[in-house]
Amino acid sequence: MIKFKDYTILIVEDEFIAMEYLSQILLSFRAKDIYRAKSADEALEIVRANSIDLVFMDINIEGSMDGIECASLLNKDNFVPIIFTSAYGDTNTLNEAKDENVFGYLIKPFQPSDVEASLLIAISIINRIKKFSLSEKQKITQVVDLSKGYIYHIDSKTLTLYNNPIDLTKKELEFLDILCNNLNQNVSYNYLKESIWPQKEISDSTIRDVVSRLKKKIPHIYIENISNYGYILKGSN
């Protein structure tokens, strides 16, 4: 269920009655914050100063810029989804607006149900875009900061010190990889044995030997022994 109160909305509308009508509809949906602008200049100033999730943009607003030009400027340096509002639904107007990050189009006079439907669709798209962007960002920045200049790169399974790779054995790297993927969490002896030495019977001393060698190679990385359980790797605070 989408909660409109979680979103900050800007209304760009130069007609007072139309502005109040749309504001009351959004308030009835419990939108978190509603900003109002009568011109493109006011809209640009509000977006620069605040985090705006969605804009209801009247196409025919007062001033030197219409709503389509304003939408273009808003999205020049920011991701600002737009729902256009207009008294005109002709093809030319729609074609002019279609390239400006448009997430909806309301023809005046509209009903509260029309606004709600446009909001639901727009927010659903926004959430999908944000989720995809976060996923892509995580892929790009999938690194673990271990402090003191040490960075572990999960995708390439590489440890670097000030961008210089550290030479580790296969077992040392496997051990470090497990701890980095479970940063600040206790990792048991049993899990380490099954993951690094599958189908082999090894003693705890074998793991301690790997840890000892690692600590000599990377002395500033904090690997803590949890008595009678396993290990925990502390990341950068």
Protein backbone atom coordinates (compact mmCIF):
# COMPACT_ATOMS: atom_id res chain seq x y z
CA MET A 1 0.00 0.00 0.00
CA ILE A 2 1.52 3.32 -1.06
CA LYS A 3 1.56 5.97 1.69
CA PHE A 4 1.29 9.44 0.19
CA LYS A 5 2.46 10.95 3.51
CA ASP A 6 5.95 9.66 2.72
CA TYR A 7 6.28 11.94 -0.31
CA THR A 8 6.98 15.66 -0.67
CA ILE A 9 5.01 17.29 -3.48
CA LEU A 10 5.30 20.62 -5.26
CA ILE A 11 2.32 22.23 -7.02
CA VAL A 12 3.15 24.74 -9.75
CA GLU A 13 -0.06 26.60 -10.57
CA ASP A 14 -0.76 30.30 -11.11
CA GLU A 15 -4.54 30.18 -10.59
CA PHE A 16 -5.44 30.45 -6.89
CA ILE A 17 -8.64 28.39 -7.06
CA ALA A 18 -6.95 25.60 -9.04
CA MET A 19 -4.00 25.66 -6.61
CA GLU A 20 -6.27 25.34 -3.56
CA TYR A 21 -8.40 22.64 -5.16
CA LEU A 22 -5.40 20.42 -5.89
CA SER A 23 -3.85 21.20 -2.49
CA GLN A 24 -7.01 20.08 -0.67
CA ILE A 25 -7.12 16.86 -2.68
CA LEU A 26 -3.50 16.07 -1.79
CA LEU A 27 -4.09 16.94 1.86
CA SER A 28 -7.01 14.52 1.90
CA PHE A 29 -4.52 11.83 0.80
CA ARG A 30 -2.27 12.87 3.74
CA ALA A 31 0.67 13.94 1.62
CA LYS A 32 3.64 14.69 3.93
CA ASP A 33 4.59 18.15 2.69
CA ILE A 34 3.05 20.26 -0.04
CA TYR A 35 4.95 23.21 -1.53
CA ARG A 36 3.32 25.78 -3.80
CA ALA A 37 4.71 27.92 -6.61
CA LYS A 38 2.98 30.34 -8.97
CA SER A 39 5.81 30.62 -11.49
CA ALA A 40 8.78 28.75 -12.92
CA ASP A 41 11.21 30.93 -10.94
CA GLU A 42 9.48 30.07 -7.66
CA ALA A 43 9.42 26.37 -8.60
CA LEU A 44 13.14 26.32 -9.39
CA GLU A 45 13.94 28.03 -6.09
CA ILE A 46 11.86 25.52 -4.10
CA VAL A 47 13.45 22.49 -5.81
CA ARG A 48 16.94 23.86 -5.18
CA ALA A 49 16.21 24.31 -1.47
CA ASN A 50 14.14 21.19 -0.77
CA SER A 51 13.96 17.50 -1.57
CA ILE A 52 10.92 17.22 -3.86
CA ASP A 53 9.61 13.77 -4.79
CA LEU A 54 7.00 14.81 -7.36
CA VAL A 55 5.72 17.95 -9.10
CA PHE A 56 2.21 18.75 -10.33
CA MET A 57 3.02 21.20 -13.10
CA ASP A 58 0.45 23.38 -14.85
CA ILE A 59 1.58 23.82 -18.43
CA ASN A 60 0.25 27.38 -18.81
CA ILE A 61 1.81 29.32 -15.92
CA GLU A 62 2.58 33.01 -15.66
CA GLY A 63 6.03 34.39 -16.40
CA SER A 64 8.63 34.03 -19.12
CA MET A 65 8.63 30.20 -18.97
CA ASP A 66 5.71 27.83 -19.37
CA GLY A 67 5.38 24.57 -17.44
CA ILE A 68 7.13 22.48 -20.08
CA GLU A 69 10.19 24.74 -20.10
CA CYS A 70 10.17 24.80 -16.30
CA ALA A 71 10.04 20.99 -16.16
CA SER A 72 13.04 20.82 -18.50
CA LEU A 73 15.08 23.11 -16.24
CA LEU A 74 14.02 21.26 -13.09
CA ASN A 75 15.35 18.03 -14.55
CA LYS A 76 18.55 19.48 -15.94
CA ASP A 77 20.47 18.74 -12.73
CA ASN A 78 17.94 16.71 -10.74
CA PHE A 79 15.56 13.77 -11.04
CA VAL A 80 12.17 15.48 -10.66
CA PRO A 81 9.14 13.45 -11.82
CA ILE A 82 6.40 15.60 -13.33
CA ILE A 83 2.63 15.18 -13.54
CA PHE A 84 1.41 17.84 -15.98
CA THR A 85 -1.96 19.54 -15.57
CA SER A 86 -3.67 21.43 -18.36
CA ALA A 87 -7.03 22.54 -19.66
CA TYR A 88 -5.91 21.29 -23.05
CA GLY A 89 -5.63 17.67 -24.13
CA ASP A 90 -4.73 18.15 -27.77
CA THR A 91 -2.02 16.09 -29.44
CA ASN A 92 0.38 19.01 -29.91
CA THR A 93 0.35 19.85 -26.20
CA LEU A 94 0.88 16.22 -25.24
CA ASN A 95 3.77 15.86 -27.71
CA GLU A 96 5.46 18.96 -26.30
CA ALA A 97 5.26 17.59 -22.76
CA LYS A 98 6.18 13.95 -23.42
CA ASP A 99 9.98 14.39 -23.27
CA GLU A 100 10.13 16.23 -19.94
CA ASN A 101 10.26 13.37 -17.41
CA VAL A 102 6.49 13.13 -17.50
CA PHE A 103 4.90 10.63 -15.09
CA GLY A 104 1.29 11.60 -15.69
CA TYR A 105 -1.07 14.03 -17.39
CA LEU A 106 -4.28 15.46 -15.90
CA ILE A 107 -6.84 17.29 -18.01
CA LYS A 108 -8.78 20.02 -16.16
CA PRO A 109 -11.32 19.81 -14.66
CA PHE A 110 -10.24 16.62 -12.91
CA GLN A 111 -11.66 14.68 -9.98
CA PRO A 112 -9.92 13.52 -6.78
CA SER A 113 -10.01 9.97 -8.14
CA ASP A 114 -8.07 11.14 -11.22
CA VAL A 115 -5.39 12.67 -9.00
CA GLU A 116 -5.18 9.54 -6.87
CA ALA A 117 -4.80 7.30 -9.91
CA SER A 118 -2.06 9.52 -11.34
CA LEU A 119 -0.26 9.55 -8.00
CA LEU A 120 -0.41 5.79 -7.63
CA ILE A 121 1.05 5.22 -11.09
CA ALA A 122 3.72 7.92 -10.74
CA ILE A 123 4.90 6.79 -7.29
CA SER A 124 4.98 3.17 -8.40
CA ILE A 125 7.28 4.12 -11.29
CA ILE A 126 9.42 6.34 -9.04
CA ASN A 127 9.90 3.51 -6.56
CA ARG A 128 10.93 1.08 -9.30
CA ILE A 129 13.46 3.59 -10.67
CA LYS A 130 14.91 4.23 -7.20
CA LYS A 131 15.13 0.52 -6.47
CA PHE A 132 16.93 -0.10 -9.78
CA SER A 133 19.27 2.85 -9.19
CA LEU A 134 20.14 1.59 -5.71
CA SER A 135 20.81 -1.89 -7.08
CA GLU A 136 23.10 -0.51 -9.78
CA LYS A 137 24.89 1.71 -7.27
CA GLN A 138 25.48 -1.23 -4.99
CA LYS A 139 26.96 -3.19 -7.89
CA ILE A 140 29.30 -0.33 -8.73
CA THR A 141 30.32 0.45 -5.14
CA GLN A 142 30.41 -3.06 -3.70
CA VAL A 143 33.42 -2.47 -1.50
CA VAL A 144 34.11 -2.81 2.21
CA ASP A 145 36.09 -0.10 3.98
CA LEU A 146 38.28 -1.84 6.56
CA SER A 147 39.98 1.42 7.72
CA LYS A 148 43.63 2.47 7.62
CA GLY A 149 43.48 2.57 3.81
CA TYR A 150 42.41 -1.07 3.42
CA ILE A 151 39.53 -1.67 0.98
CA TYR A 152 38.07 -5.07 0.13
CA HIS A 153 36.46 -5.32 -3.33
CA ILE A 154 33.74 -7.97 -3.13
CA ASP A 155 33.17 -8.44 -6.87
CA SER A 156 36.84 -9.03 -7.71
CA LYS A 157 37.72 -10.58 -4.31
CA THR A 158 40.68 -8.23 -3.96
CA LEU A 159 42.13 -6.49 -0.92
CA THR A 160 43.92 -3.22 -1.56
CA LEU A 161 45.94 -0.82 0.56
CA TYR A 162 45.74 2.69 -0.89
CA ASN A 163 44.72 1.11 -4.22
CA ASN A 164 47.64 -1.32 -4.21
CA PRO A 165 46.60 -5.02 -4.16
CA ILE A 166 47.68 -7.17 -1.20
CA ASP A 167 49.02 -10.64 -2.04
CA LEU A 168 46.98 -13.28 -0.16
CA THR A 169 46.86 -17.05 -0.44
CA LYS A 170 43.69 -18.78 -1.63
CA LYS A 171 42.65 -19.79 1.90
CA GLU A 172 43.47 -16.39 3.36
CA LEU A 173 41.38 -14.75 0.66
CA GLU A 174 38.46 -17.14 1.16
CA PHE A 175 38.54 -16.49 4.91
CA LEU A 176 38.64 -12.70 4.43
CA ASP A 177 35.88 -12.84 1.81
CA ILE A 178 33.53 -14.62 4.23
CA LEU A 179 34.21 -12.11 6.99
CA CYS A 180 33.78 -9.14 4.64
CA ASN A 181 30.45 -10.49 3.42
CA ASN A 182 29.40 -10.81 7.07
CA LEU A 183 30.95 -7.59 8.33
CA ASN A 184 30.44 -6.87 12.05
CA GLN A 185 28.76 -10.25 12.48
CA ASN A 186 29.97 -13.34 14.32
CA VAL A 187 31.04 -16.13 11.94
CA SER A 188 31.27 -19.58 13.48
CA TYR A 189 34.13 -22.05 13.24
CA ASN A 190 31.77 -24.59 11.67
CA TYR A 191 30.64 -22.18 8.94
CA LEU A 192 34.25 -21.30 8.12
CA LYS A 193 35.29 -24.95 7.97
CA GLU A 194 32.37 -25.97 5.73
CA SER A 195 32.89 -23.00 3.40
CA ILE A 196 36.68 -23.03 3.07
CA TRP A 197 37.44 -26.72 3.57
CA PRO A 198 34.34 -28.55 2.33
CA GLN A 199 34.27 -32.31 2.89
CA LYS A 200 37.46 -32.15 4.98
CA GLU A 201 38.01 -32.70 8.67
CA ILE A 202 40.13 -29.87 10.04
CA SER A 203 40.86 -28.56 13.52
CA ASP A 204 40.32 -25.07 14.90
CA SER A 205 44.08 -24.64 14.87
CA THR A 206 44.03 -24.67 11.05
CA ILE A 207 41.74 -21.66 11.09
CA ARG A 208 43.87 -19.96 13.73
CA ASP A 209 46.90 -20.46 11.49
CA VAL A 210 45.12 -18.67 8.60
CA VAL A 211 44.13 -15.82 10.91
CA SER A 212 47.67 -15.52 12.23
CA ARG A 213 49.10 -15.21 8.72
CA LEU A 214 46.45 -12.66 7.79
CA LYS A 215 47.19 -10.52 10.81
CA LYS A 216 50.87 -10.45 9.88
CA LYS A 217 50.07 -9.36 6.32
CA ILE A 218 47.36 -6.88 7.26
CA PRO A 219 48.09 -5.86 10.88
CA HIS A 220 45.69 -2.91 10.97
CA ILE A 221 42.56 -4.95 10.15
CA TYR A 222 40.72 -5.90 13.31
CA ILE A 223 39.76 -9.60 13.33
CA GLU A 224 38.41 -10.53 16.77
CA ASN A 225 38.24 -14.07 18.08
CA ILE A 226 34.94 -14.97 19.75
CA SER A 227 35.82 -17.56 22.38
CA ASN A 228 34.46 -21.04 21.61
CA TYR A 229 32.54 -19.70 18.60
CA GLY A 230 34.47 -18.11 15.75
CA TYR A 231 35.52 -14.69 14.44
CA ILE A 232 34.19 -11.23 13.71
CA LEU A 233 35.65 -8.61 11.38
CA LYS A 234 35.12 -4.98 12.38
CA GLY A 235 34.67 -2.48 9.56
CA SER A 236 35.44 1.23 9.47
CA ASN A 237 33.16 3.36 11.68
